[in-house]
Amino acid sequence: MMKLVVNCGEYEFTRFDRAITTLAEEFGYEGEAWEMVVASGDLEILSDFLRDDGVDTEFEED
């Protein structure tokens, strides 16, 4: 299983819903672009969004 690693290991997610909840709380994400990411249900789209916002992300094998 792949996991999304955010900020060099500060956060690690295998479940999309957990990632969305945590990142929205920690970084204050909201708005139309964020809602589109949430609606996607896709960790890769989430990763792209975070990278575009200057947040370090990578995928690792769990």
C-alpha atoms as a PDB file:
ATOM      1  CA  MET A   1       0.000   0.000   0.000  1.00  0.00           C
ATOM      2  CA  MET A   2       1.242   3.479  -0.845  1.00  0.00           C
ATOM      3  CA  LYS A   3       1.330   6.256   1.709  1.00  0.00           C
ATOM      4  CA  LEU A   4       1.497   9.993   1.181  1.00  0.00           C
ATOM      5  CA  VAL A   5       4.305  11.581   3.196  1.00  0.00           C
ATOM      6  CA  VAL A   6       3.947  15.317   3.842  1.00  0.00           C
ATOM      7  CA  ASN A   7       6.650  17.730   5.067  1.00  0.00           C
ATOM      8  CA  CYS A   8       9.439  15.150   5.177  1.00  0.00           C
ATOM      9  CA  GLY A   9       7.549  12.776   7.471  1.00  0.00           C
ATOM     10  CA  GLU A  10       5.676  15.270   9.633  1.00  0.00           C
ATOM     11  CA  TYR A  11       2.474  13.603   8.381  1.00  0.00           C
ATOM     12  CA  GLU A  12       1.912  10.205   6.768  1.00  0.00           C
ATOM     13  CA  PHE A  13      -1.398   9.135   5.253  1.00  0.00           C
ATOM     14  CA  THR A  14      -2.774   6.007   3.663  1.00  0.00           C
ATOM     15  CA  ARG A  15      -6.413   7.120   3.930  1.00  0.00           C
ATOM     16  CA  PHE A  16      -7.631  10.069   1.883  1.00  0.00           C
ATOM     17  CA  ASP A  17     -10.328  11.132   4.349  1.00  0.00           C
ATOM     18  CA  ARG A  18      -7.828  11.288   7.210  1.00  0.00           C
ATOM     19  CA  ALA A  19      -5.414  13.341   5.078  1.00  0.00           C
ATOM     20  CA  ILE A  20      -8.112  15.836   4.089  1.00  0.00           C
ATOM     21  CA  THR A  21      -9.321  16.328   7.664  1.00  0.00           C
ATOM     22  CA  THR A  22      -5.838  16.719   9.140  1.00  0.00           C
ATOM     23  CA  LEU A  23      -4.480  19.022   6.442  1.00  0.00           C
ATOM     24  CA  ALA A  24      -7.565  21.243   6.460  1.00  0.00           C
ATOM     25  CA  GLU A  25      -7.158  21.680  10.226  1.00  0.00           C
ATOM     26  CA  GLU A  26      -3.374  22.154  10.186  1.00  0.00           C
ATOM     27  CA  PHE A  27      -3.045  24.384   7.107  1.00  0.00           C
ATOM     28  CA  GLY A  28      -6.485  26.015   7.018  1.00  0.00           C
ATOM     29  CA  TYR A  29      -7.265  24.898   3.472  1.00  0.00           C
ATOM     30  CA  GLU A  30     -10.657  25.967   2.142  1.00  0.00           C
ATOM     31  CA  GLY A  31     -12.226  27.408  -0.986  1.00  0.00           C
ATOM     32  CA  GLU A  32     -13.174  26.153  -4.404  1.00  0.00           C
ATOM     33  CA  ALA A  33      -9.815  24.602  -5.345  1.00  0.00           C
ATOM     34  CA  TRP A  34      -9.659  22.734  -2.021  1.00  0.00           C
ATOM     35  CA  GLU A  35     -13.245  21.503  -2.460  1.00  0.00           C
ATOM     36  CA  MET A  36     -12.296  20.134  -5.873  1.00  0.00           C
ATOM     37  CA  VAL A  37      -9.404  18.223  -4.301  1.00  0.00           C
ATOM     38  CA  VAL A  38     -11.715  16.868  -1.594  1.00  0.00           C
ATOM     39  CA  ALA A  39     -14.279  15.802  -4.195  1.00  0.00           C
ATOM     40  CA  SER A  40     -11.597  13.945  -6.171  1.00  0.00           C
ATOM     41  CA  GLY A  41     -10.941  11.391  -3.424  1.00  0.00           C
ATOM     42  CA  ASP A  42      -7.459  10.941  -4.907  1.00  0.00           C
ATOM     43  CA  LEU A  43      -4.199  11.115  -2.946  1.00  0.00           C
ATOM     44  CA  GLU A  44      -2.232  11.967  -6.109  1.00  0.00           C
ATOM     45  CA  ILE A  45      -4.423  15.000  -6.795  1.00  0.00           C
ATOM     46  CA  LEU A  46      -4.030  15.995  -3.143  1.00  0.00           C
ATOM     47  CA  SER A  47      -0.264  15.655  -3.470  1.00  0.00           C
ATOM     48  CA  ASP A  48      -0.221  17.862  -6.578  1.00  0.00           C
ATOM     49  CA  PHE A  49      -2.315  20.488  -4.775  1.00  0.00           C
ATOM     50  CA  LEU A  50       0.058  20.502  -1.798  1.00  0.00           C
ATOM     51  CA  ARG A  51       3.143  20.755  -4.007  1.00  0.00           C
ATOM     52  CA  ASP A  52       1.599  23.688  -5.874  1.00  0.00           C
ATOM     53  CA  ASP A  53       1.148  25.314  -2.447  1.00  0.00           C
ATOM     54  CA  GLY A  54       4.836  24.784  -1.611  1.00  0.00           C
ATOM     55  CA  VAL A  55       4.366  21.787   0.696  1.00  0.00           C
ATOM     56  CA  ASP A  56       6.830  18.903   0.319  1.00  0.00           C
ATOM     57  CA  THR A  57       5.147  15.572  -0.539  1.00  0.00           C
ATOM     58  CA  GLU A  58       6.217  12.149  -1.699  1.00  0.00           C
ATOM     59  CA  PHE A  59       4.790   8.645  -1.929  1.00  0.00           C
ATOM     60  CA  GLU A  60       6.378   5.682  -0.142  1.00  0.00           C
ATOM     61  CA  GLU A  61       5.568   1.998  -0.063  1.00  0.00           C
ATOM     62  CA  ASP A  62       3.953   1.163   3.287  1.00  0.00           C
END
